[in-house]
PDB file of N, CA and C in Angstrom:
ATOM      1  N   MET A   1    -222.248  16.850  23.397  1.00  0.00           N
ATOM      2  CA  MET A   1    -222.278  15.828  24.435  1.00  0.00           C
ATOM      3  C   MET A   1    -223.645  15.840  25.108  1.00  0.00           C
ATOM      4  N   GLU A   2    -224.224  14.667  25.196  1.00  0.00           N
ATOM      5  CA  GLU A   2    -225.522  14.525  25.867  1.00  0.00           C
ATOM      6  C   GLU A   2    -225.335  14.650  27.376  1.00  0.00           C
ATOM      7  N   LYS A   3    -226.399  14.997  28.066  1.00  0.00           N
ATOM      8  CA  LYS A   3    -226.360  15.121  29.521  1.00  0.00           C
ATOM      9  C   LYS A   3    -227.503  14.310  30.123  1.00  0.00           C
ATOM     10  N   ILE A   4    -227.220  13.717  31.278  1.00  0.00           N
ATOM     11  CA  ILE A   4    -228.256  13.067  32.084  1.00  0.00           C
ATOM     12  C   ILE A   4    -228.319  13.836  33.392  1.00  0.00           C
ATOM     13  N   TYR A   5    -229.520  14.244  33.768  1.00  0.00           N
ATOM     14  CA  TYR A   5    -229.700  15.022  34.992  1.00  0.00           C
ATOM     15  C   TYR A   5    -230.092  14.099  36.140  1.00  0.00           C
ATOM     16  N   LEU A   6    -229.358  14.200  37.230  1.00  0.00           N
ATOM     17  CA  LEU A   6    -229.588  13.368  38.406  1.00  0.00           C
ATOM     18  C   LEU A   6    -230.812  13.831  39.183  1.00  0.00           C
ATOM     19  N   ARG A   7    -231.607  12.878  39.642  1.00  0.00           N
ATOM     20  CA  ARG A   7    -232.693  13.171  40.580  1.00  0.00           C
ATOM     21  C   ARG A   7    -232.239  12.879  42.001  1.00  0.00           C
ATOM     22  N   ASP A   8    -231.281  11.949  42.123  1.00  0.00           N
ATOM     23  CA  ASP A   8    -230.726  11.565  43.415  1.00  0.00           C
ATOM     24  C   ASP A   8    -229.250  11.957  43.435  1.00  0.00           C
ATOM     25  N   ASP A   9    -228.511  11.445  44.402  1.00  0.00           N
ATOM     26  CA  ASP A   9    -227.091  11.763  44.509  1.00  0.00           C
ATOM     27  C   ASP A   9    -226.251  11.103  43.428  1.00  0.00           C
ATOM     28  N   PHE A  10    -226.728   9.964  42.892  1.00  0.00           N
ATOM     29  CA  PHE A  10    -225.964   9.215  41.898  1.00  0.00           C
ATOM     30  C   PHE A  10    -226.912   8.421  41.010  1.00  0.00           C
ATOM     31  N   ILE A  11    -226.355   7.885  39.925  1.00  0.00           N
ATOM     32  CA  ILE A  11    -227.063   6.939  39.074  1.00  0.00           C
ATOM     33  C   ILE A  11    -226.075   5.820  38.769  1.00  0.00           C
ATOM     34  N   LYS A  12    -226.572   4.591  38.713  1.00  0.00           N
ATOM     35  CA  LYS A  12    -225.700   3.466  38.410  1.00  0.00           C
ATOM     36  C   LYS A  12    -225.445   3.415  36.896  1.00  0.00           C
ATOM     37  N   LEU A  13    -224.280   2.921  36.546  1.00  0.00           N
ATOM     38  CA  LEU A  13    -223.853   2.905  35.152  1.00  0.00           C
ATOM     39  C   LEU A  13    -224.857   2.225  34.232  1.00  0.00           C
ATOM     40  N   GLY A  14    -225.354   1.067  34.615  1.00  0.00           N
ATOM     41  CA  GLY A  14    -226.333   0.362  33.783  1.00  0.00           C
ATOM     42  C   GLY A  14    -227.586   1.192  33.555  1.00  0.00           C
ATOM     43  N   GLN A  15    -228.053   1.857  34.602  1.00  0.00           N
ATOM     44  CA  GLN A  15    -229.229   2.718  34.495  1.00  0.00           C
ATOM     45  C   GLN A  15    -228.937   3.916  33.597  1.00  0.00           C
ATOM     46  N   ALA A  16    -227.735   4.448  33.701  1.00  0.00           N
ATOM     47  CA  ALA A  16    -227.350   5.612  32.897  1.00  0.00           C
ATOM     48  C   ALA A  16    -227.305   5.255  31.408  1.00  0.00           C
ATOM     49  N   LEU A  17    -226.807   4.077  31.094  1.00  0.00           N
ATOM     50  CA  LEU A  17    -226.778   3.635  29.698  1.00  0.00           C
ATOM     51  C   LEU A  17    -228.194   3.551  29.132  1.00  0.00           C
ATOM     52  N   LYS A  18    -229.118   3.028  29.938  1.00  0.00           N
ATOM     53  CA  LYS A  18    -230.513   2.942  29.496  1.00  0.00           C
ATOM     54  C   LYS A  18    -231.140   4.328  29.391  1.00  0.00           C
ATOM     55  N   ALA A  19    -230.896   5.177  30.387  1.00  0.00           N
ATOM     56  CA  ALA A  19    -231.481   6.522  30.397  1.00  0.00           C
ATOM     57  C   ALA A  19    -231.020   7.347  29.196  1.00  0.00           C
ATOM     58  N   ALA A  20    -229.797   7.113  28.758  1.00  0.00           N
ATOM     59  CA  ALA A  20    -229.260   7.847  27.617  1.00  0.00           C
ATOM     60  C   ALA A  20    -229.733   7.249  26.288  1.00  0.00           C
ATOM     61  N   GLY A  21    -230.424   6.109  26.354  1.00  0.00           N
ATOM     62  CA  GLY A  21    -230.920   5.469  25.142  1.00  0.00           C
ATOM     63  C   GLY A  21    -229.834   4.758  24.346  1.00  0.00           C
ATOM     64  N   LEU A  22    -228.730   4.433  25.011  1.00  0.00           N
ATOM     65  CA  LEU A  22    -227.611   3.781  24.319  1.00  0.00           C
ATOM     66  C   LEU A  22    -227.745   2.269  24.288  1.00  0.00           C
ATOM     67  N   VAL A  23    -228.591   1.718  25.161  1.00  0.00           N
ATOM     68  CA  VAL A  23    -228.901   0.286  25.153  1.00  0.00           C
ATOM     69  C   VAL A  23    -230.403   0.127  25.319  1.00  0.00           C
ATOM     70  N   GLU A  24    -230.902  -1.024  24.898  1.00  0.00           N
ATOM     71  CA  GLU A  24    -232.342  -1.290  24.964  1.00  0.00           C
ATOM     72  C   GLU A  24    -232.794  -1.758  26.340  1.00  0.00           C
ATOM     73  N   SER A  25    -231.916  -2.538  27.018  1.00  0.00           N
ATOM     74  CA  SER A  25    -232.353  -3.160  28.262  1.00  0.00           C
ATOM     75  C   SER A  25    -231.194  -3.265  29.251  1.00  0.00           C
ATOM     76  N   GLY A  26    -231.533  -3.673  30.455  1.00  0.00           N
ATOM     77  CA  GLY A  26    -230.521  -3.892  31.471  1.00  0.00           C
ATOM     78  C   GLY A  26    -229.565  -5.014  31.086  1.00  0.00           C
ATOM     79  N   VAL A  27    -230.077  -6.008  30.377  1.00  0.00           N
ATOM     80  CA  VAL A  27    -229.229  -7.113  29.928  1.00  0.00           C
ATOM     81  C   VAL A  27    -228.196  -6.598  28.929  1.00  0.00           C
ATOM     82  N   ASP A  28    -228.637  -5.747  27.993  1.00  0.00           N
ATOM     83  CA  ASP A  28    -227.707  -5.155  27.022  1.00  0.00           C
ATOM     84  C   ASP A  28    -226.653  -4.323  27.735  1.00  0.00           C
ATOM     85  N   ALA A  29    -227.072  -3.566  28.751  1.00  0.00           N
ATOM     86  CA  ALA A  29    -226.133  -2.747  29.523  1.00  0.00           C
ATOM     87  C   ALA A  29    -225.121  -3.636  30.228  1.00  0.00           C
ATOM     88  N   LYS A  30    -225.608  -4.722  30.808  1.00  0.00           N
ATOM     89  CA  LYS A  30    -224.730  -5.652  31.525  1.00  0.00           C
ATOM     90  C   LYS A  30    -223.621  -6.169  30.612  1.00  0.00           C
ATOM     91  N   TYR A  31    -223.982  -6.638  29.427  1.00  0.00           N
ATOM     92  CA  TYR A  31    -222.979  -7.204  28.530  1.00  0.00           C
ATOM     93  C   TYR A  31    -222.062  -6.140  27.939  1.00  0.00           C
ATOM     94  N   ALA A  32    -222.577  -4.953  27.682  1.00  0.00           N
ATOM     95  CA  ALA A  32    -221.722  -3.869  27.175  1.00  0.00           C
ATOM     96  C   ALA A  32    -220.637  -3.550  28.199  1.00  0.00           C
ATOM     97  N   VAL A  33    -221.024  -3.488  29.465  1.00  0.00           N
ATOM     98  CA  VAL A  33    -220.069  -3.168  30.529  1.00  0.00           C
ATOM     99  C   VAL A  33    -219.106  -4.347  30.739  1.00  0.00           C
ATOM    100  N   LEU A  34    -219.631  -5.553  30.866  1.00  0.00           N
ATOM    101  CA  LEU A  34    -218.771  -6.721  31.100  1.00  0.00           C
ATOM    102  C   LEU A  34    -217.793  -6.978  29.954  1.00  0.00           C
ATOM    103  N   ASP A  35    -218.179  -6.590  28.745  1.00  0.00           N
ATOM    104  CA  ASP A  35    -217.304  -6.774  27.583  1.00  0.00           C
ATOM    105  C   ASP A  35    -216.249  -5.673  27.467  1.00  0.00           C
ATOM    106  N   GLY A  36    -216.245  -4.729  28.419  1.00  0.00           N
ATOM    107  CA  GLY A  36    -215.233  -3.673  28.414  1.00  0.00           C
ATOM    108  C   GLY A  36    -215.466  -2.604  27.361  1.00  0.00           C
ATOM    109  N   LEU A  37    -216.718  -2.410  26.961  1.00  0.00           N
ATOM    110  CA  LEU A  37    -217.038  -1.444  25.909  1.00  0.00           C
ATOM    111  C   LEU A  37    -217.402  -0.066  26.441  1.00  0.00           C
ATOM    112  N   VAL A  38    -217.457   0.088  27.756  1.00  0.00           N
ATOM    113  CA  VAL A  38    -217.882   1.351  28.366  1.00  0.00           C
ATOM    114  C   VAL A  38    -216.722   1.952  29.157  1.00  0.00           C
ATOM    115  N   LYS A  39    -216.526   3.241  28.974  1.00  0.00           N
ATOM    116  CA  LYS A  39    -215.510   3.963  29.741  1.00  0.00           C
ATOM    117  C   LYS A  39    -216.198   4.967  30.655  1.00  0.00           C
ATOM    118  N   VAL A  40    -215.645   5.119  31.858  1.00  0.00           N
ATOM    119  CA  VAL A  40    -216.092   6.150  32.795  1.00  0.00           C
ATOM    120  C   VAL A  40    -214.885   7.016  33.097  1.00  0.00           C
ATOM    121  N   ASN A  41    -215.021   8.295  32.816  1.00  0.00           N
ATOM    122  CA  ASN A  41    -213.927   9.248  33.008  1.00  0.00           C
ATOM    123  C   ASN A  41    -212.636   8.760  32.344  1.00  0.00           C
ATOM    124  N   GLY A  42    -212.784   8.203  31.130  1.00  0.00           N
ATOM    125  CA  GLY A  42    -211.635   7.796  30.338  1.00  0.00           C
ATOM    126  C   GLY A  42    -211.064   6.425  30.639  1.00  0.00           C
ATOM    127  N   GLN A  43    -211.609   5.732  31.642  1.00  0.00           N
ATOM    128  CA  GLN A  43    -211.118   4.407  32.028  1.00  0.00           C
ATOM    129  C   GLN A  43    -212.189   3.350  31.761  1.00  0.00           C
ATOM    130  N   ILE A  44    -211.772   2.207  31.232  1.00  0.00           N
ATOM    131  CA  ILE A  44    -212.724   1.112  31.007  1.00  0.00           C
ATOM    132  C   ILE A  44    -213.310   0.683  32.352  1.00  0.00           C
ATOM    133  N   GLU A  45    -214.623   0.561  32.379  1.00  0.00           N
ATOM    134  CA  GLU A  45    -215.323   0.183  33.610  1.00  0.00           C
ATOM    135  C   GLU A  45    -216.044  -1.135  33.389  1.00  0.00           C
ATOM    136  N   VAL A  46    -215.866  -2.087  34.304  1.00  0.00           N
ATOM    137  CA  VAL A  46    -216.509  -3.394  34.168  1.00  0.00           C
ATOM    138  C   VAL A  46    -217.524  -3.675  35.271  1.00  0.00           C
ATOM    139  N   GLN A  47    -217.884  -2.655  36.040  1.00  0.00           N
ATOM    140  CA  GLN A  47    -218.910  -2.807  37.080  1.00  0.00           C
ATOM    141  C   GLN A  47    -220.186  -2.102  36.632  1.00  0.00           C
ATOM    142  N   ARG A  48    -221.204  -2.879  36.338  1.00  0.00           N
ATOM    143  CA  ARG A  48    -222.472  -2.294  35.889  1.00  0.00           C
ATOM    144  C   ARG A  48    -223.093  -1.423  36.979  1.00  0.00           C
ATOM    145  N   GLY A  49    -222.832  -1.765  38.243  1.00  0.00           N
ATOM    146  CA  GLY A  49    -223.390  -1.019  39.363  1.00  0.00           C
ATOM    147  C   GLY A  49    -222.550   0.174  39.794  1.00  0.00           C
ATOM    148  N   LYS A  50    -221.521   0.501  39.029  1.00  0.00           N
ATOM    149  CA  LYS A  50    -220.657   1.658  39.353  1.00  0.00           C
ATOM    150  C   LYS A  50    -221.526   2.898  39.512  1.00  0.00           C
ATOM    151  N   LYS A  51    -221.346   3.607  40.610  1.00  0.00           N
ATOM    152  CA  LYS A  51    -222.133   4.816  40.871  1.00  0.00           C
ATOM    153  C   LYS A  51    -221.497   6.003  40.158  1.00  0.00           C
ATOM    154  N   LEU A  52    -222.323   6.720  39.409  1.00  0.00           N
ATOM    155  CA  LEU A  52    -221.874   7.910  38.701  1.00  0.00           C
ATOM    156  C   LEU A  52    -222.442   9.137  39.393  1.00  0.00           C
ATOM    157  N   TYR A  53    -221.600  10.131  39.567  1.00  0.00           N
ATOM    158  CA  TYR A  53    -221.978  11.356  40.265  1.00  0.00           C
ATOM    159  C   TYR A  53    -221.841  12.559  39.339  1.00  0.00           C
ATOM    160  N   HIS A  54    -222.306  13.711  39.811  1.00  0.00           N
ATOM    161  CA  HIS A  54    -222.201  14.954  39.057  1.00  0.00           C
ATOM    162  C   HIS A  54    -220.771  15.136  38.533  1.00  0.00           C
ATOM    163  N   GLY A  55    -220.655  15.420  37.251  1.00  0.00           N
ATOM    164  CA  GLY A  55    -219.358  15.663  36.637  1.00  0.00           C
ATOM    165  C   GLY A  55    -218.726  14.456  35.978  1.00  0.00           C
ATOM    166  N   ASP A  56    -219.231  13.248  36.289  1.00  0.00           N
ATOM    167  CA  ASP A  56    -218.694  12.049  35.641  1.00  0.00           C
ATOM    168  C   ASP A  56    -219.129  12.021  34.173  1.00  0.00           C
ATOM    169  N   ILE A  57    -218.282  11.451  33.336  1.00  0.00           N
ATOM    170  CA  ILE A  57    -218.583  11.306  31.907  1.00  0.00           C
ATOM    171  C   ILE A  57    -218.373   9.837  31.542  1.00  0.00           C
ATOM    172  N   PHE A  58    -219.363   9.251  30.876  1.00  0.00           N
ATOM    173  CA  PHE A  58    -219.179   7.885  30.388  1.00  0.00           C
ATOM    174  C   PHE A  58    -219.305   7.868  28.873  1.00  0.00           C
ATOM    175  N   GLU A  59    -218.653   6.862  28.276  1.00  0.00           N
ATOM    176  CA  GLU A  59    -218.607   6.734  26.821  1.00  0.00           C
ATOM    177  C   GLU A  59    -219.005   5.322  26.420  1.00  0.00           C
ATOM    178  N   PHE A  60    -219.771   5.247  25.329  1.00  0.00           N
ATOM    179  CA  PHE A  60    -220.152   3.958  24.763  1.00  0.00           C
ATOM    180  C   PHE A  60    -220.414   4.146  23.282  1.00  0.00           C
ATOM    181  N   GLU A  61    -219.763   3.347  22.461  1.00  0.00           N
ATOM    182  CA  GLU A  61    -219.928   3.370  21.005  1.00  0.00           C
ATOM    183  C   GLU A  61    -219.790   4.784  20.433  1.00  0.00           C
ATOM    184  N   GLY A  62    -218.799   5.516  20.903  1.00  0.00           N
ATOM    185  CA  GLY A  62    -218.540   6.852  20.377  1.00  0.00           C
ATOM    186  C   GLY A  62    -219.429   7.950  20.943  1.00  0.00           C
ATOM    187  N   ASN A  63    -220.337   7.601  21.826  1.00  0.00           N
ATOM    188  CA  ASN A  63    -221.220   8.585  22.458  1.00  0.00           C
ATOM    189  C   ASN A  63    -220.676   8.932  23.844  1.00  0.00           C
ATOM    190  N   GLN A  64    -220.610  10.225  24.139  1.00  0.00           N
ATOM    191  CA  GLN A  64    -220.200  10.685  25.457  1.00  0.00           C
ATOM    192  C   GLN A  64    -221.407  11.288  26.158  1.00  0.00           C
ATOM    193  N   VAL A  65    -221.560  10.940  27.435  1.00  0.00           N
ATOM    194  CA  VAL A  65    -222.681  11.440  28.216  1.00  0.00           C
ATOM    195  C   VAL A  65    -222.142  11.960  29.549  1.00  0.00           C
ATOM    196  N   GLU A  66    -222.549  13.183  29.903  1.00  0.00           N
ATOM    197  CA  GLU A  66    -222.124  13.780  31.170  1.00  0.00           C
ATOM    198  C   GLU A  66    -223.248  13.675  32.187  1.00  0.00           C
ATOM    199  N   ILE A  67    -222.872  13.373  33.425  1.00  0.00           N
ATOM    200  CA  ILE A  67    -223.829  13.312  34.522  1.00  0.00           C
ATOM    201  C   ILE A  67    -223.860  14.695  35.182  1.00  0.00           C
ATOM    202  N   VAL A  68    -225.063  15.258  35.292  1.00  0.00           N
ATOM    203  CA  VAL A  68    -225.221  16.621  35.798  1.00  0.00           C
ATOM    204  C   VAL A  68    -226.209  16.615  36.964  1.00  0.00           C
ATOM    205  N   SER A  69    -225.867  17.335  38.021  1.00  0.00           N
ATOM    206  CA  SER A  69    -226.770  17.457  39.161  1.00  0.00           C
ATOM    207  C   SER A  69    -227.979  18.282  38.770  1.00  0.00           C
ATOM    208  N   ASP A  70    -229.168  17.830  39.204  1.00  0.00           N
ATOM    209  CA  ASP A  70    -230.412  18.523  38.860  1.00  0.00           C
ATOM    210  C   ASP A  70    -230.595  19.805  39.657  1.00  0.00           C
ATOM    211  N   SER A  71    -229.873  19.921  40.766  1.00  0.00           N
ATOM    212  CA  SER A  71    -230.069  21.112  41.611  1.00  0.00           C
ATOM    213  C   SER A  71    -229.043  22.176  41.334  1.00  0.00           C
TER     214      SER A  71
END
């Protein structure tokens, strides 16, 4: 499972998809989320601006990514 390390308290879902290299752009992230293709903690998420915190896990196209606090 890949990990994304937080610099702040949270990262938004669209930004996390880009940071993990799972989408090329914010537009791609927007449509992936709106189309119901992304899960956060096992539940389909349709808010691109959903805030992800330490311990959250999101999934897209069979890839799982965990959000980890940098501190």
